[in-house]
Structure formats: C-alpha cells, structure tokens
C-alpha cells in the first residue's frame, strides 16, 4: 500500500508511545488492525527512531472510535511485552 495519494477513507491511529516490534509482530498488528476495523488495508507507521512502531495507517474505514484506537494500542503493547518474554506474536 502506498500513502503518497491518501484516499478519503484512510485514517491514522497514532500511539501514545512507540513500540519496539519485530517484523512478524508488525505483520500481526497490521492483520489485527484490518480485522478489528474491517479495513481494506493497514500499514504500520515507523517511530522517530525508524526502528519502532508509532501507529497504523488504515484504508477503507469510517472514522475510528476511540475505543478501537485504545484496543489497537493495547494489542501493540501486548505484542511488545510478548516479544520481550519470547512469547510469540500475541495471537495466543
């Protein structure tokens, strides 16, 4: 997905803090975001350091409820914690 020409139904969800996620965890976060919000597409957004995830860009969604934003960030936080413990992607 490219965000060079954002569509009217695209939205960004920015996290309060960036999360250190490996590549498989980023894919899991994108998949979770697509399912949670029934989005057509999702792409993680890099943090200022370029190595962390600061949010998710979603397309094919209406305005996103605050509760869904909180849920998405909680999932990212859980993925980071599981990665630190060696616990997998967080789908379990």
PDB file of N, CA and C in Angstrom:
ATOM      1  N   UNK A   1       0.848  -1.180   0.000  1.00  0.00           N
ATOM      2  CA  UNK A   1       0.000   0.000   0.000  1.00  0.00           C
ATOM      3  C   UNK A   1       0.885   1.231   0.000  1.00  0.00           C
ATOM      4  N   UNK A   2       0.490   2.190  -0.707  1.00  0.00           N
ATOM      5  CA  UNK A   2       1.217   3.453  -0.712  1.00  0.00           C
ATOM      6  C   UNK A   2       0.331   4.545  -0.139  1.00  0.00           C
ATOM      7  N   UNK A   3       0.929   5.411   0.627  1.00  0.00           N
ATOM      8  CA  UNK A   3       0.153   6.509   1.205  1.00  0.00           C
ATOM      9  C   UNK A   3       0.481   7.828   0.528  1.00  0.00           C
ATOM     10  N   UNK A   4       1.169   7.780  -0.633  1.00  0.00           N
ATOM     11  CA  UNK A   4       1.511   9.006  -1.355  1.00  0.00           C
ATOM     12  C   UNK A   4       0.251   9.735  -1.818  1.00  0.00           C
ATOM     13  N   UNK A   5      -0.806   8.993  -2.115  1.00  0.00           N
ATOM     14  CA  UNK A   5      -2.082   9.569  -2.530  1.00  0.00           C
ATOM     15  C   UNK A   5      -3.167   9.030  -1.612  1.00  0.00           C
ATOM     16  N   UNK A   6      -3.258   9.568  -0.390  1.00  0.00           N
ATOM     17  CA  UNK A   6      -4.236   9.034   0.563  1.00  0.00           C
ATOM     18  C   UNK A   6      -5.665   9.186   0.052  1.00  0.00           C
ATOM     19  N   UNK A   7      -6.452   8.184   0.325  1.00  0.00           N
ATOM     20  CA  UNK A   7      -7.849   8.203  -0.070  1.00  0.00           C
ATOM     21  C   UNK A   7      -8.692   8.807   1.047  1.00  0.00           C
ATOM     22  N   UNK A   8      -9.911   9.198   0.713  1.00  0.00           N
ATOM     23  CA  UNK A   8     -10.789   9.845   1.684  1.00  0.00           C
ATOM     24  C   UNK A   8     -11.128   8.936   2.858  1.00  0.00           C
ATOM     25  N   UNK A   9     -11.088   7.624   2.648  1.00  0.00           N
ATOM     26  CA  UNK A   9     -11.459   6.705   3.726  1.00  0.00           C
ATOM     27  C   UNK A   9     -10.236   6.148   4.448  1.00  0.00           C
ATOM     28  N   UNK A  10      -9.105   6.845   4.393  1.00  0.00           N
ATOM     29  CA  UNK A  10      -7.894   6.432   5.100  1.00  0.00           C
ATOM     30  C   UNK A  10      -7.755   7.227   6.393  1.00  0.00           C
ATOM     31  N   UNK A  11      -7.287   6.571   7.413  1.00  0.00           N
ATOM     32  CA  UNK A  11      -7.116   7.184   8.732  1.00  0.00           C
ATOM     33  C   UNK A  11      -5.815   6.704   9.349  1.00  0.00           C
ATOM     34  N   UNK A  12      -5.238   7.524  10.226  1.00  0.00           N
ATOM     35  CA  UNK A  12      -4.063   7.141  11.007  1.00  0.00           C
ATOM     36  C   UNK A  12      -4.466   6.981  12.456  1.00  0.00           C
ATOM     37  N   UNK A  13      -3.927   5.958  13.083  1.00  0.00           N
ATOM     38  CA  UNK A  13      -4.052   5.781  14.525  1.00  0.00           C
ATOM     39  C   UNK A  13      -2.638   5.911  15.079  1.00  0.00           C
ATOM     40  N   UNK A  14      -2.387   6.957  15.858  1.00  0.00           N
ATOM     41  CA  UNK A  14      -1.068   7.184  16.447  1.00  0.00           C
ATOM     42  C   UNK A  14      -1.089   6.740  17.891  1.00  0.00           C
ATOM     43  N   UNK A  15      -0.036   6.074  18.311  1.00  0.00           N
ATOM     44  CA  UNK A  15       0.056   5.573  19.684  1.00  0.00           C
ATOM     45  C   UNK A  15       0.635   6.642  20.604  1.00  0.00           C
ATOM     46  N   UNK A  16       0.344   6.529  21.882  1.00  0.00           N
ATOM     47  CA  UNK A  16       0.869   7.462  22.882  1.00  0.00           C
ATOM     48  C   UNK A  16       2.384   7.323  23.001  1.00  0.00           C
ATOM     49  N   UNK A  17       2.880   6.125  22.762  1.00  0.00           N
ATOM     50  CA  UNK A  17       4.322   5.847  22.813  1.00  0.00           C
ATOM     51  C   UNK A  17       4.647   4.859  21.700  1.00  0.00           C
ATOM     52  N   UNK A  18       5.859   4.914  21.154  1.00  0.00           N
ATOM     53  CA  UNK A  18       6.232   3.923  20.132  1.00  0.00           C
ATOM     54  C   UNK A  18       6.514   2.571  20.773  1.00  0.00           C
ATOM     55  N   UNK A  19       6.368   1.511  19.992  1.00  0.00           N
ATOM     56  CA  UNK A  19       6.584   0.146  20.477  1.00  0.00           C
ATOM     57  C   UNK A  19       7.650  -0.536  19.634  1.00  0.00           C
ATOM     58  N   UNK A  20       8.551  -1.240  20.310  1.00  0.00           N
ATOM     59  CA  UNK A  20       9.611  -1.988  19.636  1.00  0.00           C
ATOM     60  C   UNK A  20       9.046  -3.344  19.223  1.00  0.00           C
ATOM     61  N   UNK A  21       8.748  -3.503  17.931  1.00  0.00           N
ATOM     62  CA  UNK A  21       8.169  -4.735  17.417  1.00  0.00           C
ATOM     63  C   UNK A  21       9.050  -5.291  16.315  1.00  0.00           C
ATOM     64  N   UNK A  22       9.217  -6.609  16.302  1.00  0.00           N
ATOM     65  CA  UNK A  22       9.947  -7.212  15.193  1.00  0.00           C
ATOM     66  C   UNK A  22       9.011  -7.338  13.997  1.00  0.00           C
ATOM     67  N   UNK A  23       9.559  -7.748  12.858  1.00  0.00           N
ATOM     68  CA  UNK A  23       8.773  -7.801  11.614  1.00  0.00           C
ATOM     69  C   UNK A  23       7.526  -8.680  11.738  1.00  0.00           C
ATOM     70  N   UNK A  24       7.625  -9.899  12.311  1.00  0.00           N
ATOM     71  CA  UNK A  24       6.406 -10.709  12.439  1.00  0.00           C
ATOM     72  C   UNK A  24       5.344 -10.048  13.332  1.00  0.00           C
ATOM     73  N   UNK A  25       5.778  -9.342  14.360  1.00  0.00           N
ATOM     74  CA  UNK A  25       4.820  -8.662  15.238  1.00  0.00           C
ATOM     75  C   UNK A  25       4.154  -7.490  14.502  1.00  0.00           C
ATOM     76  N   UNK A  26       4.913  -6.807  13.644  1.00  0.00           N
ATOM     77  CA  UNK A  26       4.315  -5.730  12.848  1.00  0.00           C
ATOM     78  C   UNK A  26       3.234  -6.278  11.924  1.00  0.00           C
ATOM     79  N   UNK A  27       3.504  -7.429  11.312  1.00  0.00           N
ATOM     80  CA  UNK A  27       2.508  -8.068  10.443  1.00  0.00           C
ATOM     81  C   UNK A  27       1.273  -8.451  11.255  1.00  0.00           C
ATOM     82  N   UNK A  28       1.489  -8.976  12.451  1.00  0.00           N
ATOM     83  CA  UNK A  28       0.369  -9.344  13.316  1.00  0.00           C
ATOM     84  C   UNK A  28      -0.461  -8.112  13.676  1.00  0.00           C
ATOM     85  N   UNK A  29       0.202  -6.993  13.958  1.00  0.00           N
ATOM     86  CA  UNK A  29      -0.502  -5.755  14.286  1.00  0.00           C
ATOM     87  C   UNK A  29      -1.320  -5.273  13.090  1.00  0.00           C
ATOM     88  N   UNK A  30      -0.742  -5.321  11.895  1.00  0.00           N
ATOM     89  CA  UNK A  30      -1.472  -4.921  10.692  1.00  0.00           C
ATOM     90  C   UNK A  30      -2.681  -5.826  10.464  1.00  0.00           C
ATOM     91  N   UNK A  31      -2.487  -7.133  10.630  1.00  0.00           N
ATOM     92  CA  UNK A  31      -3.604  -8.076  10.465  1.00  0.00           C
ATOM     93  C   UNK A  31      -4.703  -7.797  11.489  1.00  0.00           C
ATOM     94  N   UNK A  32      -4.299  -7.587  12.732  1.00  0.00           N
ATOM     95  CA  UNK A  32      -5.262  -7.312  13.797  1.00  0.00           C
ATOM     96  C   UNK A  32      -6.046  -6.032  13.492  1.00  0.00           C
ATOM     97  N   UNK A  33      -5.332  -4.998  13.031  1.00  0.00           N
ATOM     98  CA  UNK A  33      -5.991  -3.730  12.707  1.00  0.00           C
ATOM     99  C   UNK A  33      -7.008  -3.924  11.584  1.00  0.00           C
ATOM    100  N   UNK A  34      -6.636  -4.692  10.561  1.00  0.00           N
ATOM    101  CA  UNK A  34      -7.571  -4.942   9.448  1.00  0.00           C
ATOM    102  C   UNK A  34      -8.829  -5.648   9.944  1.00  0.00           C
ATOM    103  N   UNK A  35      -8.656  -6.657  10.791  1.00  0.00           N
ATOM    104  CA  UNK A  35      -9.798  -7.414  11.297  1.00  0.00           C
ATOM    105  C   UNK A  35     -10.633  -6.565  12.258  1.00  0.00           C
ATOM    106  N   UNK A  36      -9.976  -5.902  13.197  1.00  0.00           N
ATOM    107  CA  UNK A  36     -10.678  -5.100  14.205  1.00  0.00           C
ATOM    108  C   UNK A  36     -11.545  -4.022  13.564  1.00  0.00           C
ATOM    109  N   UNK A  37     -10.998  -3.360  12.566  1.00  0.00           N
ATOM    110  CA  UNK A  37     -11.689  -2.221  11.970  1.00  0.00           C
ATOM    111  C   UNK A  37     -12.278  -2.515  10.600  1.00  0.00           C
ATOM    112  N   UNK A  38     -12.178  -3.775  10.182  1.00  0.00           N
ATOM    113  CA  UNK A  38     -12.682  -4.197   8.872  1.00  0.00           C
ATOM    114  C   UNK A  38     -12.119  -3.301   7.764  1.00  0.00           C
ATOM    115  N   UNK A  39     -10.826  -3.030   7.889  1.00  0.00           N
ATOM    116  CA  UNK A  39     -10.144  -2.149   6.944  1.00  0.00           C
ATOM    117  C   UNK A  39      -9.744  -2.917   5.688  1.00  0.00           C
ATOM    118  N   UNK A  40      -9.672  -2.205   4.600  1.00  0.00           N
ATOM    119  CA  UNK A  40      -9.208  -2.766   3.339  1.00  0.00           C
ATOM    120  C   UNK A  40      -7.707  -3.014   3.389  1.00  0.00           C
ATOM    121  N   UNK A  41      -6.976  -2.117   4.074  1.00  0.00           N
ATOM    122  CA  UNK A  41      -5.530  -2.219   4.142  1.00  0.00           C
ATOM    123  C   UNK A  41      -5.032  -1.563   5.416  1.00  0.00           C
ATOM    124  N   UNK A  42      -3.882  -2.032   5.891  1.00  0.00           N
ATOM    125  CA  UNK A  42      -3.260  -1.457   7.079  1.00  0.00           C
ATOM    126  C   UNK A  42      -1.752  -1.520   6.913  1.00  0.00           C
ATOM    127  N   UNK A  43      -1.096  -0.498   7.418  1.00  0.00           N
ATOM    128  CA  UNK A  43       0.357  -0.424   7.335  1.00  0.00           C
ATOM    129  C   UNK A  43       0.874   0.261   8.590  1.00  0.00           C
ATOM    130  N   UNK A  44       1.866  -0.349   9.242  1.00  0.00           N
ATOM    131  CA  UNK A  44       2.430   0.278  10.432  1.00  0.00           C
ATOM    132  C   UNK A  44       3.189   1.538  10.038  1.00  0.00           C
ATOM    133  N   UNK A  45       3.249   2.461  10.971  1.00  0.00           N
ATOM    134  CA  UNK A  45       3.985   3.711  10.791  1.00  0.00           C
ATOM    135  C   UNK A  45       5.173   3.701  11.739  1.00  0.00           C
ATOM    136  N   UNK A  46       6.351   3.996  11.200  1.00  0.00           N
ATOM    137  CA  UNK A  46       7.577   3.975  11.996  1.00  0.00           C
ATOM    138  C   UNK A  46       7.625   5.151  12.965  1.00  0.00           C
ATOM    139  N   UNK A  47       8.272   4.895  14.098  1.00  0.00           N
ATOM    140  CA  UNK A  47       8.512   5.954  15.066  1.00  0.00           C
ATOM    141  C   UNK A  47       9.657   6.835  14.605  1.00  0.00           C
ATOM    142  N   UNK A  48       9.959   7.866  15.370  1.00  0.00           N
ATOM    143  CA  UNK A  48      11.009   8.813  15.020  1.00  0.00           C
ATOM    144  C   UNK A  48      12.375   8.147  14.886  1.00  0.00           C
ATOM    145  N   UNK A  49      12.584   7.058  15.626  1.00  0.00           N
ATOM    146  CA  UNK A  49      13.874   6.364  15.556  1.00  0.00           C
ATOM    147  C   UNK A  49      13.981   5.438  14.346  1.00  0.00           C
ATOM    148  N   UNK A  50      12.877   5.250  13.642  1.00  0.00           N
ATOM    149  CA  UNK A  50      12.872   4.394  12.460  1.00  0.00           C
ATOM    150  C   UNK A  50      12.828   2.914  12.769  1.00  0.00           C
ATOM    151  N   UNK A  51      12.980   2.551  14.027  1.00  0.00           N
ATOM    152  CA  UNK A  51      13.013   1.136  14.402  1.00  0.00           C
ATOM    153  C   UNK A  51      11.789   0.699  15.207  1.00  0.00           C
ATOM    154  N   UNK A  52      10.990   1.641  15.641  1.00  0.00           N
ATOM    155  CA  UNK A  52       9.812   1.311  16.436  1.00  0.00           C
ATOM    156  C   UNK A  52       8.555   1.606  15.626  1.00  0.00           C
ATOM    157  N   UNK A  53       7.411   1.197  16.172  1.00  0.00           N
ATOM    158  CA  UNK A  53       6.122   1.432  15.531  1.00  0.00           C
ATOM    159  C   UNK A  53       5.378   2.497  16.332  1.00  0.00           C
ATOM    160  N   UNK A  54       5.013   3.589  15.661  1.00  0.00           N
ATOM    161  CA  UNK A  54       4.349   4.705  16.324  1.00  0.00           C
ATOM    162  C   UNK A  54       2.856   4.749  16.054  1.00  0.00           C
ATOM    163  N   UNK A  55       2.381   3.918  15.097  1.00  0.00           N
ATOM    164  CA  UNK A  55       0.969   3.927  14.770  1.00  0.00           C
ATOM    165  C   UNK A  55       0.675   3.031  13.588  1.00  0.00           C
ATOM    166  N   UNK A  56      -0.573   3.110  13.133  1.00  0.00           N
ATOM    167  CA  UNK A  56      -1.028   2.297  12.000  1.00  0.00           C
ATOM    168  C   UNK A  56      -1.837   3.190  11.068  1.00  0.00           C
ATOM    169  N   UNK A  57      -1.552   3.081   9.777  1.00  0.00           N
ATOM    170  CA  UNK A  57      -2.319   3.772   8.737  1.00  0.00           C
ATOM    171  C   UNK A  57      -3.315   2.765   8.177  1.00  0.00           C
ATOM    172  N   UNK A  58      -4.600   3.136   8.145  1.00  0.00           N
ATOM    173  CA  UNK A  58      -5.668   2.244   7.708  1.00  0.00           C
ATOM    174  C   UNK A  58      -6.438   2.857   6.548  1.00  0.00           C
ATOM    175  N   UNK A  59      -6.827   2.028   5.600  1.00  0.00           N
ATOM    176  CA  UNK A  59      -7.656   2.486   4.484  1.00  0.00           C
ATOM    177  C   UNK A  59      -8.905   1.606   4.395  1.00  0.00           C
ATOM    178  N   UNK A  60      -9.983   2.230   3.937  1.00  0.00           N
ATOM    179  CA  UNK A  60     -11.243   1.515   3.815  1.00  0.00           C
ATOM    180  C   UNK A  60     -12.000   1.470   5.117  1.00  0.00           C
ATOM    181  N   UNK A  61     -11.845   2.519   5.928  1.00  0.00           N
ATOM    182  CA  UNK A  61     -12.519   2.561   7.228  1.00  0.00           C
ATOM    183  C   UNK A  61     -13.258   3.888   7.404  1.00  0.00           C
ATOM    184  N   UNK A  62     -14.355   3.869   8.144  1.00  0.00           N
ATOM    185  CA  UNK A  62     -15.013   5.119   8.525  1.00  0.00           C
ATOM    186  C   UNK A  62     -14.212   5.734   9.680  1.00  0.00           C
ATOM    187  N   UNK A  63     -14.648   6.846  10.226  1.00  0.00           N
ATOM    188  CA  UNK A  63     -13.967   7.370  11.415  1.00  0.00           C
ATOM    189  C   UNK A  63     -13.837   6.282  12.478  1.00  0.00           C
ATOM    190  N   UNK A  64     -12.691   6.257  13.116  1.00  0.00           N
ATOM    191  CA  UNK A  64     -12.364   5.177  14.054  1.00  0.00           C
ATOM    192  C   UNK A  64     -12.754   5.585  15.471  1.00  0.00           C
ATOM    193  N   UNK A  65     -13.556   4.756  16.140  1.00  0.00           N
ATOM    194  CA  UNK A  65     -13.931   5.067  17.520  1.00  0.00           C
ATOM    195  C   UNK A  65     -12.712   5.065  18.437  1.00  0.00           C
ATOM    196  N   UNK A  66     -12.733   5.911  19.444  1.00  0.00           N
ATOM    197  CA  UNK A  66     -11.632   5.988  20.401  1.00  0.00           C
ATOM    198  C   UNK A  66     -11.385   4.643  21.075  1.00  0.00           C
ATOM    199  N   UNK A  67     -12.437   3.893  21.328  1.00  0.00           N
ATOM    200  CA  UNK A  67     -12.277   2.581  21.971  1.00  0.00           C
ATOM    201  C   UNK A  67     -11.476   1.628  21.090  1.00  0.00           C
ATOM    202  N   UNK A  68     -11.664   1.713  19.776  1.00  0.00           N
ATOM    203  CA  UNK A  68     -10.899   0.863  18.858  1.00  0.00           C
ATOM    204  C   UNK A  68      -9.436   1.295  18.811  1.00  0.00           C
ATOM    205  N   UNK A  69      -9.197   2.599  18.875  1.00  0.00           N
ATOM    206  CA  UNK A  69      -7.818   3.093  18.922  1.00  0.00           C
ATOM    207  C   UNK A  69      -7.115   2.560  20.165  1.00  0.00           C
ATOM    208  N   UNK A  70      -7.805   2.593  21.297  1.00  0.00           N
ATOM    209  CA  UNK A  70      -7.234   2.084  22.548  1.00  0.00           C
ATOM    210  C   UNK A  70      -6.954   0.596  22.459  1.00  0.00           C
ATOM    211  N   UNK A  71      -7.873  -0.147  21.846  1.00  0.00           N
ATOM    212  CA  UNK A  71      -7.706  -1.587  21.690  1.00  0.00           C
ATOM    213  C   UNK A  71      -6.500  -1.902  20.804  1.00  0.00           C
ATOM    214  N   UNK A  72      -6.344  -1.148  19.736  1.00  0.00           N
ATOM    215  CA  UNK A  72      -5.227  -1.349  18.823  1.00  0.00           C
ATOM    216  C   UNK A  72      -3.894  -1.076  19.530  1.00  0.00           C
ATOM    217  N   UNK A  73      -3.839  -0.011  20.314  1.00  0.00           N
ATOM    218  CA  UNK A  73      -2.603   0.286  21.045  1.00  0.00           C
ATOM    219  C   UNK A  73      -2.340  -0.764  22.124  1.00  0.00           C
ATOM    220  N   UNK A  74      -3.366  -1.243  22.767  1.00  0.00           N
ATOM    221  CA  UNK A  74      -3.190  -2.300  23.774  1.00  0.00           C
ATOM    222  C   UNK A  74      -2.614  -3.562  23.134  1.00  0.00           C
ATOM    223  N   UNK A  75      -3.052  -3.869  21.918  1.00  0.00           N
ATOM    224  CA  UNK A  75      -2.521  -5.033  21.217  1.00  0.00           C
ATOM    225  C   UNK A  75      -1.042  -4.820  20.890  1.00  0.00           C
ATOM    226  N   UNK A  76      -0.666  -3.622  20.437  1.00  0.00           N
ATOM    227  CA  UNK A  76       0.739  -3.322  20.158  1.00  0.00           C
ATOM    228  C   UNK A  76       1.580  -3.449  21.426  1.00  0.00           C
ATOM    229  N   UNK A  77       1.070  -2.945  22.528  1.00  0.00           N
ATOM    230  CA  UNK A  77       1.768  -3.037  23.815  1.00  0.00           C
ATOM    231  C   UNK A  77       1.952  -4.497  24.217  1.00  0.00           C
ATOM    232  N   UNK A  78       0.907  -5.307  24.012  1.00  0.00           N
ATOM    233  CA  UNK A  78       0.982  -6.734  24.333  1.00  0.00           C
ATOM    234  C   UNK A  78       1.993  -7.447  23.438  1.00  0.00           C
ATOM    235  N   UNK A  79       2.016  -7.098  22.159  1.00  0.00           N
ATOM    236  CA  UNK A  79       2.995  -7.697  21.245  1.00  0.00           C
ATOM    237  C   UNK A  79       4.414  -7.389  21.693  1.00  0.00           C
ATOM    238  N   UNK A  80       4.653  -6.139  22.100  1.00  0.00           N
ATOM    239  CA  UNK A  80       5.984  -5.774  22.578  1.00  0.00           C
ATOM    240  C   UNK A  80       6.347  -6.577  23.818  1.00  0.00           C
ATOM    241  N   UNK A  81       5.424  -6.681  24.768  1.00  0.00           N
ATOM    242  CA  UNK A  81       5.686  -7.422  26.004  1.00  0.00           C
ATOM    243  C   UNK A  81       5.944  -8.897  25.721  1.00  0.00           C
ATOM    244  N   UNK A  82       5.173  -9.476  24.820  1.00  0.00           N
ATOM    245  CA  UNK A  82       5.379 -10.887  24.479  1.00  0.00           C
ATOM    246  C   UNK A  82       6.721 -11.097  23.799  1.00  0.00           C
ATOM    247  N   UNK A  83       7.116 -10.143  22.969  1.00  0.00           N
ATOM    248  CA  UNK A  83       8.410 -10.235  22.294  1.00  0.00           C
ATOM    249  C   UNK A  83       9.554 -10.183  23.294  1.00  0.00           C
ATOM    250  N   UNK A  84       9.407  -9.351  24.311  1.00  0.00           N
ATOM    251  CA  UNK A  84      10.435  -9.251  25.347  1.00  0.00           C
ATOM    252  C   UNK A  84      10.518 -10.525  26.161  1.00  0.00           C
ATOM    253  N   UNK A  85       9.411 -11.238  26.277  1.00  0.00           N
ATOM    254  CA  UNK A  85       9.384 -12.502  27.027  1.00  0.00           C
ATOM    255  C   UNK A  85       9.616 -13.700  26.112  1.00  0.00           C
ATOM    256  N   UNK A  86       9.712 -13.458  24.796  1.00  0.00           N
ATOM    257  CA  UNK A  86       9.881 -14.572  23.866  1.00  0.00           C
ATOM    258  C   UNK A  86       8.598 -15.359  23.700  1.00  0.00           C
ATOM    259  N   UNK A  87       7.462 -14.681  23.829  1.00  0.00           N
ATOM    260  CA  UNK A  87       6.169 -15.360  23.832  1.00  0.00           C
ATOM    261  C   UNK A  87       5.435 -15.395  22.511  1.00  0.00           C
ATOM    262  N   UNK A  88       6.070 -15.114  21.407  1.00  0.00           N
ATOM    263  CA  UNK A  88       5.377 -15.212  20.129  1.00  0.00           C
ATOM    264  C   UNK A  88       4.679 -13.938  19.735  1.00  0.00           C
ATOM    265  N   UNK A  89       3.790 -14.061  18.769  1.00  0.00           N
ATOM    266  CA  UNK A  89       3.162 -12.909  18.147  1.00  0.00           C
ATOM    267  C   UNK A  89       2.035 -12.286  18.952  1.00  0.00           C
ATOM    268  N   UNK A  90       1.484 -12.954  19.893  1.00  0.00           N
ATOM    269  CA  UNK A  90       0.404 -12.382  20.655  1.00  0.00           C
ATOM    270  C   UNK A  90      -0.974 -12.836  20.251  1.00  0.00           C
ATOM    271  N   UNK A  91      -1.066 -13.741  19.294  1.00  0.00           N
ATOM    272  CA  UNK A  91      -2.369 -14.237  18.874  1.00  0.00           C
ATOM    273  C   UNK A  91      -2.872 -15.317  19.812  1.00  0.00           C
ATOM    274  N   UNK A  92      -2.048 -15.801  20.711  1.00  0.00           N
ATOM    275  CA  UNK A  92      -2.431 -16.935  21.553  1.00  0.00           C
ATOM    276  C   UNK A  92      -3.229 -16.607  22.758  1.00  0.00           C
TER     277      UNK A  92
END
